[in-house]
Amino acid sequence: MTATDLHVLTALPHTAAILLHGALRTEGIAAELARDGLAVVYGFDGGGFSTQVMVPGHEVERARQVLSDLDSGP
């Protein structure tokens, strides 16, 4: 999977992005996280420094469904 194959699904605070990443991987969706270098060094976790959750283009719709299911709760 190359960077050009990936599409940003959403951007979240880092901890929430990790949880979503795990949920996507559990559903068999190859997700990747991208975090700004300054965010890592200085611990920024909001606004423009949110962690991007990226998925392959052909998995975007499935990934949106997983995100929707998580947002709606149990």
C-alpha atoms as a PDB file:
ATOM      1  CA  MET A   1       0.000   0.000   0.000  1.00  0.00           C
ATOM      2  CA  THR A   2       1.489   3.322  -1.036  1.00  0.00           C
ATOM      3  CA  ALA A   3       0.685   6.767   0.303  1.00  0.00           C
ATOM      4  CA  THR A   4      -1.137   7.601  -2.931  1.00  0.00           C
ATOM      5  CA  ASP A   5      -3.539   4.715  -2.314  1.00  0.00           C
ATOM      6  CA  LEU A   6      -4.567   6.111   1.081  1.00  0.00           C
ATOM      7  CA  HIS A   7      -7.464   8.449   1.801  1.00  0.00           C
ATOM      8  CA  VAL A   8      -7.958  10.399   5.021  1.00  0.00           C
ATOM      9  CA  LEU A   9     -11.010   9.016   6.769  1.00  0.00           C
ATOM     10  CA  THR A  10     -10.934  11.456   9.690  1.00  0.00           C
ATOM     11  CA  ALA A  11      -8.628  13.339  12.048  1.00  0.00           C
ATOM     12  CA  LEU A  12      -8.973  12.785  15.784  1.00  0.00           C
ATOM     13  CA  PRO A  13      -7.080  13.297  19.020  1.00  0.00           C
ATOM     14  CA  HIS A  14      -4.335  10.666  19.098  1.00  0.00           C
ATOM     15  CA  THR A  15      -5.930   8.309  21.651  1.00  0.00           C
ATOM     16  CA  ALA A  16      -9.250   8.264  19.777  1.00  0.00           C
ATOM     17  CA  ALA A  17      -7.388   7.687  16.493  1.00  0.00           C
ATOM     18  CA  ILE A  18      -5.637   4.663  18.005  1.00  0.00           C
ATOM     19  CA  LEU A  19      -8.978   3.211  19.107  1.00  0.00           C
ATOM     20  CA  LEU A  20     -10.494   3.741  15.653  1.00  0.00           C
ATOM     21  CA  HIS A  21      -7.387   2.242  14.044  1.00  0.00           C
ATOM     22  CA  GLY A  22      -7.873  -0.892  16.159  1.00  0.00           C
ATOM     23  CA  ALA A  23     -11.566  -1.127  15.250  1.00  0.00           C
ATOM     24  CA  LEU A  24     -10.767  -0.805  11.554  1.00  0.00           C
ATOM     25  CA  ARG A  25      -8.047  -3.449  11.750  1.00  0.00           C
ATOM     26  CA  THR A  26     -10.453  -5.764  13.592  1.00  0.00           C
ATOM     27  CA  GLU A  27     -12.829  -5.413  10.623  1.00  0.00           C
ATOM     28  CA  GLY A  28     -10.005  -6.342   8.239  1.00  0.00           C
ATOM     29  CA  ILE A  29      -9.423  -2.804   6.960  1.00  0.00           C
ATOM     30  CA  ALA A  30      -5.752  -1.896   6.581  1.00  0.00           C
ATOM     31  CA  ALA A  31      -5.637   1.478   8.305  1.00  0.00           C
ATOM     32  CA  GLU A  32      -2.652   3.761   8.879  1.00  0.00           C
ATOM     33  CA  LEU A  33      -2.106   6.653  11.261  1.00  0.00           C
ATOM     34  CA  ALA A  34      -0.264   9.873  10.425  1.00  0.00           C
ATOM     35  CA  ARG A  35       0.761  12.391  13.042  1.00  0.00           C
ATOM     36  CA  ASP A  36       2.537  15.712  12.577  1.00  0.00           C
ATOM     37  CA  GLY A  37       6.124  15.644  13.791  1.00  0.00           C
ATOM     38  CA  LEU A  38       5.618  18.675  16.045  1.00  0.00           C
ATOM     39  CA  ALA A  39       2.649  16.960  17.657  1.00  0.00           C
ATOM     40  CA  VAL A  40       4.860  14.042  18.627  1.00  0.00           C
ATOM     41  CA  VAL A  41       7.699  16.196  19.942  1.00  0.00           C
ATOM     42  CA  TYR A  42       5.589  18.705  21.871  1.00  0.00           C
ATOM     43  CA  GLY A  43       2.574  16.560  22.720  1.00  0.00           C
ATOM     44  CA  PHE A  44       0.059  18.628  20.736  1.00  0.00           C
ATOM     45  CA  ASP A  45      -3.159  16.703  20.248  1.00  0.00           C
ATOM     46  CA  GLY A  46      -5.842  18.922  18.776  1.00  0.00           C
ATOM     47  CA  GLY A  47      -6.719  21.291  15.970  1.00  0.00           C
ATOM     48  CA  GLY A  48      -4.227  21.057  13.134  1.00  0.00           C
ATOM     49  CA  PHE A  49      -2.192  18.563  15.136  1.00  0.00           C
ATOM     50  CA  SER A  50      -4.810  15.813  15.251  1.00  0.00           C
ATOM     51  CA  THR A  51      -3.848  12.321  14.144  1.00  0.00           C
ATOM     52  CA  GLN A  52      -5.090  11.410  10.669  1.00  0.00           C
ATOM     53  CA  VAL A  53      -6.663   7.991  10.181  1.00  0.00           C
ATOM     54  CA  MET A  54      -6.117   6.836   6.608  1.00  0.00           C
ATOM     55  CA  VAL A  55      -7.521   3.854   4.706  1.00  0.00           C
ATOM     56  CA  PRO A  56      -7.123   2.470   1.186  1.00  0.00           C
ATOM     57  CA  GLY A  57      -9.459   4.080  -1.348  1.00  0.00           C
ATOM     58  CA  HIS A  58     -11.364   0.864  -1.992  1.00  0.00           C
ATOM     59  CA  GLU A  59     -12.130   0.534   1.760  1.00  0.00           C
ATOM     60  CA  VAL A  60     -13.414   4.070   2.392  1.00  0.00           C
ATOM     61  CA  GLU A  61     -17.115   3.162   2.492  1.00  0.00           C
ATOM     62  CA  ARG A  62     -16.572   0.215   4.850  1.00  0.00           C
ATOM     63  CA  ALA A  63     -14.384   2.393   7.049  1.00  0.00           C
ATOM     64  CA  ARG A  64     -17.031   5.124   7.180  1.00  0.00           C
ATOM     65  CA  GLN A  65     -19.536   2.515   8.342  1.00  0.00           C
ATOM     66  CA  VAL A  66     -17.199   1.386  11.135  1.00  0.00           C
ATOM     67  CA  LEU A  67     -16.708   5.034  12.180  1.00  0.00           C
ATOM     68  CA  SER A  68     -20.474   5.597  12.110  1.00  0.00           C
ATOM     69  CA  ASP A  69     -21.099   2.492  14.202  1.00  0.00           C
ATOM     70  CA  LEU A  70     -18.567   3.665  16.788  1.00  0.00           C
ATOM     71  CA  ASP A  71     -20.071   7.159  16.898  1.00  0.00           C
ATOM     72  CA  SER A  72     -23.572   5.786  17.476  1.00  0.00           C
ATOM     73  CA  GLY A  73     -22.450   3.757  20.511  1.00  0.00           C
ATOM     74  CA  PRO A  74     -23.528   0.296  21.683  1.00  0.00           C
END
